[in-house]
Protein backbone atom coordinates (compact mmCIF):
# COMPACT_ATOMS: atom_id res chain seq x y z
CA UNK A 1 -30.60 26.45 -16.79
CA UNK A 2 -30.07 29.19 -19.37
CA UNK A 3 -31.60 27.24 -22.26
CA UNK A 4 -34.33 25.21 -20.54
CA UNK A 5 -34.43 21.46 -20.04
CA UNK A 6 -34.71 18.46 -22.33
CA UNK A 7 -36.83 15.45 -21.56
CA UNK A 8 -33.96 13.60 -19.90
CA UNK A 9 -33.44 16.26 -17.29
CA UNK A 10 -30.29 17.75 -18.81
CA UNK A 11 -30.38 21.27 -20.18
CA UNK A 12 -30.70 21.73 -23.93
CA UNK A 13 -27.20 23.19 -23.95
CA UNK A 14 -25.75 20.21 -22.11
CA UNK A 15 -27.40 17.83 -24.58
CA UNK A 16 -26.16 19.85 -27.54
CA UNK A 17 -22.60 20.05 -26.19
CA UNK A 18 -22.59 16.29 -25.49
CA UNK A 19 -23.65 15.48 -29.05
CA UNK A 20 -21.11 17.92 -30.47
CA UNK A 21 -18.21 16.53 -28.43
CA UNK A 22 -19.08 13.01 -29.61
CA UNK A 23 -18.98 14.15 -33.23
CA UNK A 24 -22.71 13.96 -33.87
CA UNK A 25 -23.08 17.35 -35.47
CA UNK A 26 -26.45 16.76 -37.16
CA UNK A 27 -27.87 15.69 -33.82
CA UNK A 28 -26.40 18.84 -32.22
CA UNK A 29 -28.19 21.03 -34.73
CA UNK A 30 -31.43 19.04 -34.38
CA UNK A 31 -31.47 19.59 -30.60
CA UNK A 32 -30.89 23.33 -30.95
CA UNK A 33 -33.37 23.84 -33.78
CA UNK A 34 -36.02 21.75 -32.04
CA UNK A 35 -35.60 23.92 -28.94
CA UNK A 36 -36.00 27.09 -31.01
CA UNK A 37 -39.06 25.75 -32.86
CA UNK A 38 -40.72 25.09 -29.52
CA UNK A 39 -40.25 28.75 -28.63
CA UNK A 40 -37.20 28.24 -26.45
CA UNK A 41 -34.81 31.08 -25.75
CA UNK A 42 -32.30 31.75 -28.53
CA UNK A 43 -29.49 31.76 -26.05
CA UNK A 44 -26.01 32.84 -27.28
CA UNK A 45 -24.41 29.62 -26.05
CA UNK A 46 -26.85 27.54 -28.10
CA UNK A 47 -26.24 29.67 -31.17
CA UNK A 48 -22.51 29.30 -30.64
CA UNK A 49 -22.57 25.49 -30.44
CA UNK A 50 -24.91 25.39 -33.44
CA UNK A 51 -22.49 27.57 -35.41
CA UNK A 52 -19.64 25.19 -34.63
CA UNK A 53 -21.73 22.18 -35.65
CA UNK A 54 -22.80 23.81 -38.91
CA UNK A 55 -19.18 24.55 -39.71
CA UNK A 56 -18.18 20.95 -39.04
CA UNK A 57 -20.82 19.85 -41.52
CA UNK A 58 -19.54 22.30 -44.14
CA UNK A 59 -22.58 24.58 -43.94
CA UNK A 60 -20.62 27.83 -43.83
CA UNK A 61 -23.53 30.19 -44.53
CA UNK A 62 -25.64 28.71 -41.71
CA UNK A 63 -22.62 28.80 -39.40
CA UNK A 64 -22.00 32.46 -40.16
CA UNK A 65 -25.66 33.28 -39.50
CA UNK A 66 -25.58 31.44 -36.17
CA UNK A 67 -22.38 33.17 -35.06
CA UNK A 68 -23.69 36.56 -36.19
CA UNK A 69 -26.87 36.13 -34.13
CA UNK A 70 -24.81 34.86 -31.19
CA UNK A 71 -22.67 38.01 -31.33
CA UNK A 72 -25.72 40.27 -31.67
CA UNK A 73 -27.12 38.83 -28.44
CA UNK A 74 -23.82 38.81 -26.53
CA UNK A 75 -20.89 40.82 -27.83
CA UNK A 76 -18.58 39.22 -25.27
CA UNK A 77 -18.70 36.10 -27.48
CA UNK A 78 -16.58 37.90 -30.10
CA UNK A 79 -13.27 36.47 -28.90
CA UNK A 80 -14.60 32.91 -28.76
CA UNK A 81 -16.04 33.19 -32.27
CA UNK A 82 -12.82 34.75 -33.56
CA UNK A 83 -10.65 32.07 -31.96
CA UNK A 84 -12.81 29.29 -33.38
CA UNK A 85 -12.61 30.69 -36.92
CA UNK A 86 -8.87 31.22 -36.45
CA UNK A 87 -8.27 27.57 -35.63
CA UNK A 88 -10.47 26.46 -38.51
CA UNK A 89 -8.56 28.80 -40.83
CA UNK A 90 -5.19 27.38 -39.77
CA UNK A 91 -6.45 23.81 -40.11
CA UNK A 92 -7.74 24.53 -43.62
CA UNK A 93 -4.49 26.20 -44.65
CA UNK A 94 -2.45 23.28 -43.34
CA UNK A 95 -4.67 20.92 -45.35
CA UNK A 96 -4.00 22.88 -48.54
CA UNK A 97 -7.47 24.44 -48.65
CA UNK A 98 -6.28 28.00 -49.18
CA UNK A 99 -9.56 29.55 -50.33
CA UNK A 100 -11.49 28.00 -47.47
CA UNK A 101 -8.77 29.10 -45.06
CA UNK A 102 -9.01 32.69 -46.32
CA UNK A 103 -12.78 32.69 -45.85
CA UNK A 104 -12.35 31.58 -42.25
CA UNK A 105 -9.60 34.15 -41.74
CA UNK A 106 -11.95 36.90 -42.84
CA UNK A 107 -14.51 35.73 -40.30
CA UNK A 108 -11.89 35.52 -37.55
CA UNK A 109 -10.73 39.05 -38.33
CA UNK A 110 -14.34 40.29 -38.41
CA UNK A 111 -14.83 39.29 -34.77
CA UNK A 112 -11.35 40.25 -33.57
CA UNK A 113 -12.34 43.16 -31.39
CA UNK A 114 -9.03 43.29 -29.52
CA UNK A 115 -6.89 43.23 -32.69
CA UNK A 116 -4.84 40.45 -31.15
CA UNK A 117 -5.20 37.64 -33.68
CA UNK A 118 -2.12 35.65 -34.55
CA UNK A 119 -2.28 33.13 -37.38
CA UNK A 120 1.36 32.13 -36.96
CA UNK A 121 2.89 31.11 -40.28
CA UNK A 122 -0.27 32.33 -42.04
CA UNK A 123 -0.04 35.92 -40.81
CA UNK A 124 1.12 36.97 -44.27
CA UNK A 125 -2.14 35.63 -45.74
CA UNK A 126 -4.04 37.60 -43.13
CA UNK A 127 -2.06 40.69 -44.12
CA UNK A 128 -3.14 40.17 -47.73
CA UNK A 129 -6.77 40.01 -46.62
CA UNK A 130 -6.44 43.28 -44.73
CA UNK A 131 -4.74 44.93 -47.71
CA UNK A 132 -7.59 43.77 -49.98
CA UNK A 133 -9.98 45.44 -47.54
CA UNK A 134 -7.80 48.56 -47.63
CA UNK A 135 -7.14 48.23 -43.90
CA UNK A 136 -3.43 48.94 -44.22
CA UNK A 137 -2.86 49.38 -40.50
CA UNK A 138 -4.09 45.82 -40.01
CA UNK A 139 -2.08 44.62 -42.99
CA UNK A 140 1.11 46.10 -41.53
CA UNK A 141 0.43 44.42 -38.19
CA UNK A 142 0.13 40.97 -39.78
CA UNK A 143 3.05 41.42 -42.20
CA UNK A 144 5.36 42.63 -39.43
CA UNK A 145 4.31 39.71 -37.20
CA UNK A 146 5.17 37.27 -39.97
CA UNK A 147 8.57 38.84 -40.65
CA UNK A 148 9.43 38.96 -36.95
CA UNK A 149 8.73 35.23 -36.63
CA UNK A 150 9.85 33.94 -40.03
CA UNK A 151 12.53 36.32 -41.40
CA UNK A 152 14.40 33.63 -43.31
CA UNK A 153 11.59 31.82 -45.11
CA UNK A 154 11.51 31.63 -48.89
CA UNK A 155 8.52 33.98 -49.04
CA UNK A 156 9.93 36.67 -46.76
CA UNK A 157 10.98 38.89 -49.68
CA UNK A 158 7.43 38.92 -51.06
CA UNK A 159 6.04 39.77 -47.63
CA UNK A 160 8.53 42.62 -47.30
CA UNK A 161 7.34 43.93 -50.66
CA UNK A 162 3.73 43.73 -49.49
CA UNK A 163 4.68 45.53 -46.28
CA UNK A 164 6.34 48.28 -48.30
CA UNK A 165 3.19 48.67 -50.40
CA UNK A 166 1.12 48.96 -47.22
CA UNK A 167 3.44 51.66 -45.88
CA UNK A 168 3.07 53.54 -49.16
CA UNK A 169 -0.72 53.35 -49.00
CA UNK A 170 -0.57 54.75 -45.46
CA UNK A 171 1.64 57.63 -46.60
CA UNK A 172 4.56 56.33 -44.51
CA UNK A 173 7.07 57.06 -47.25
CA UNK A 174 10.19 57.08 -45.09
CA UNK A 175 9.27 53.69 -43.63
CA UNK A 176 8.64 52.34 -47.14
CA UNK A 177 12.03 53.60 -48.33
CA UNK A 178 13.81 52.05 -45.36
CA UNK A 179 11.97 48.76 -45.95
CA UNK A 180 12.84 48.67 -49.67
CA UNK A 181 16.49 49.39 -48.87
CA UNK A 182 16.55 46.48 -46.42
CA UNK A 183 14.86 44.28 -49.00
CA UNK A 184 17.41 45.24 -51.66
CA UNK A 185 20.37 44.67 -49.35
CA UNK A 186 19.08 41.39 -47.93
CA UNK A 187 17.96 39.82 -51.21
CA UNK A 188 20.26 41.26 -53.90
CA UNK A 189 19.48 38.39 -56.30
CA UNK A 190 15.73 38.34 -55.72
CA UNK A 191 13.39 38.30 -58.72
CA UNK A 192 11.90 41.41 -57.08
CA UNK A 193 15.14 43.37 -57.41
CA UNK A 194 14.07 45.44 -60.43
CA UNK A 195 10.73 46.32 -58.88
CA UNK A 196 12.34 47.23 -55.57
CA UNK A 197 14.84 49.56 -57.24
CA UNK A 198 12.07 51.18 -59.29
CA UNK A 199 9.95 51.76 -56.20
CA UNK A 200 12.89 53.04 -54.17
CA UNK A 201 13.96 55.53 -56.83
CA UNK A 202 10.43 56.83 -57.35
CA UNK A 203 9.85 57.26 -53.63
CA UNK A 204 13.14 59.11 -53.21
CA UNK A 205 12.16 61.40 -56.06
CA UNK A 206 8.74 61.91 -54.46
CA UNK A 207 10.41 62.92 -51.18
CA UNK A 208 12.69 65.32 -53.05
CA UNK A 209 9.72 66.87 -54.83
CA UNK A 210 7.88 67.35 -51.53
CA UNK A 211 10.99 68.92 -49.99
CA UNK A 212 11.31 71.30 -52.94
CA UNK A 213 7.66 72.28 -52.77
CA UNK A 214 8.06 72.81 -49.02
CA UNK A 215 10.98 75.17 -49.56
CA UNK A 216 13.67 72.81 -48.23
CA UNK A 217 16.02 73.16 -51.20
CA UNK A 218 19.06 71.62 -49.50
CA UNK A 219 17.22 68.43 -48.63
CA UNK A 220 15.76 68.22 -52.12
CA UNK A 221 19.21 68.65 -53.66
CA UNK A 222 20.71 65.95 -51.46
CA UNK A 223 17.99 63.48 -52.38
CA UNK A 224 18.25 64.25 -56.09
CA UNK A 225 22.03 64.12 -56.47
CA UNK A 226 22.40 60.34 -56.84
CA UNK A 227 19.15 59.92 -58.73
CA UNK A 228 20.20 62.42 -61.38
CA UNK A 229 23.38 60.52 -62.18
CA UNK A 230 22.69 56.88 -61.40
CA UNK A 231 18.95 56.11 -61.29
CA UNK A 232 18.26 52.94 -63.25
CA UNK A 233 15.04 54.34 -64.71
CA UNK A 234 15.65 56.98 -67.43
CA UNK A 235 12.43 58.77 -66.50
CA UNK A 236 13.63 59.19 -62.91
CA UNK A 237 16.99 60.55 -64.10
CA UNK A 238 15.16 62.98 -66.37
CA UNK A 239 12.89 64.22 -63.61
CA UNK A 240 15.73 64.43 -61.11
CA UNK A 241 17.90 66.50 -63.44
CA UNK A 242 15.05 68.82 -64.28
CA UNK A 243 14.16 69.37 -60.63
CA UNK A 244 17.82 69.97 -59.83
CA UNK A 245 17.74 72.62 -62.53
CA UNK A 246 14.83 74.28 -60.75
CA UNK A 247 16.59 74.00 -57.39
CA UNK A 248 19.71 75.60 -58.88
CA UNK A 249 17.64 78.46 -60.29
CA UNK A 250 16.11 79.02 -56.85
CA UNK A 251 19.64 79.11 -55.43
CA UNK A 252 20.72 81.62 -58.07
CA UNK A 253 23.23 79.18 -59.65
CA UNK A 254 22.59 79.68 -63.37
CA UNK A 255 25.58 77.62 -64.47
CA UNK A 256 24.40 74.55 -62.52
CA UNK A 257 20.82 75.04 -63.72
CA UNK A 258 21.96 75.08 -67.35
CA UNK A 259 24.03 71.93 -66.78
CA UNK A 260 21.05 70.02 -65.40
CA UNK A 261 18.63 71.22 -68.06
CA UNK A 262 21.12 70.25 -70.78
CA UNK A 263 21.36 66.79 -69.22
CA UNK A 264 17.59 66.47 -69.63
CA UNK A 265 18.04 67.28 -73.31
CA UNK A 266 20.90 64.77 -73.60
CA UNK A 267 18.79 62.05 -72.00
CA UNK A 268 16.06 62.70 -74.56
CA UNK A 269 18.14 62.85 -77.76
CA UNK A 270 15.95 61.98 -80.71
CA UNK A 271 12.72 62.08 -78.70
CA UNK A 272 10.24 64.61 -77.38
CA UNK A 273 8.34 65.09 -74.16
CA UNK A 274 6.94 67.62 -71.74
CA UNK A 275 10.07 67.92 -69.58
CA UNK A 276 12.31 68.00 -72.64
CA UNK A 277 10.41 70.96 -74.05
CA UNK A 278 10.39 72.72 -70.68
CA UNK A 279 14.14 72.11 -70.32
CA UNK A 280 14.76 73.67 -73.74
CA UNK A 281 12.62 76.65 -72.78
CA UNK A 282 14.57 77.15 -69.53
CA UNK A 283 17.93 76.86 -71.36
CA UNK A 284 16.81 79.46 -73.88
CA UNK A 285 15.55 81.81 -71.18
CA UNK A 286 18.68 81.48 -69.01
CA UNK A 287 21.06 81.93 -71.95
CA UNK A 288 19.11 84.99 -73.10
CA UNK A 289 19.34 86.45 -69.59
CA UNK A 290 23.10 85.84 -69.52
CA UNK A 291 23.57 87.69 -72.83
CA UNK A 292 21.68 90.67 -71.48
CA UNK A 293 23.91 90.96 -68.45
């Protein structure tokens, strides 16, 4: 037998499993620890059953140590450890023990070598954990799994917002824009509406700025057109009009450039700011150049 024999002829592992299955978790741990104290092999299977028993008794630190040693001795135990923590996480969540559930989720994710975990209705919570760890690829996987399975739940809008944030952190700006547009169209009366619009407008401006800097003036102009006239955020309208002024200058259209720069001034009547001052400077320079022609 892999873990030696007990006095009754059964292996230590068989004795430990029997006690565990009958709900005698303290006895399970006693059998395993007694075996170890006698110099018995610290077999992965014994460490695994001890970890489960510790967890049943609420001794999370001891359980984590046992599972960690089990994994260090046999990495093929990763899936079994992950699955056990997953089930414990779901049970805790269903019992209203959110913090405990999140701790178990973190452990399940830690041992998820195949990246195949599925927490069902609690995938969104798992996505939050991954986002906290700045693993946005993992966060996206869990958020998308939740939305695929539960698109019409009351929390779906919040999960879509979290998914959009993850896309942004990954630099997937086009995906984030598409997601925010879907969110806006699907939940037009959501409490998130203002935030969604703000994010959408700022990302569109960011794309336009990148297009301009990359020399794609036509694409920049197309992206800026609506923002300059109808963006809900005054700052976005200001930036969009100013950048359209720069695009127009690059295109040699002085009249259009002056119109956009003057709009920046109009948007800032009675105030001052960096773009306002730059717009005034460009108006002065362009008008001076026109007089010299």
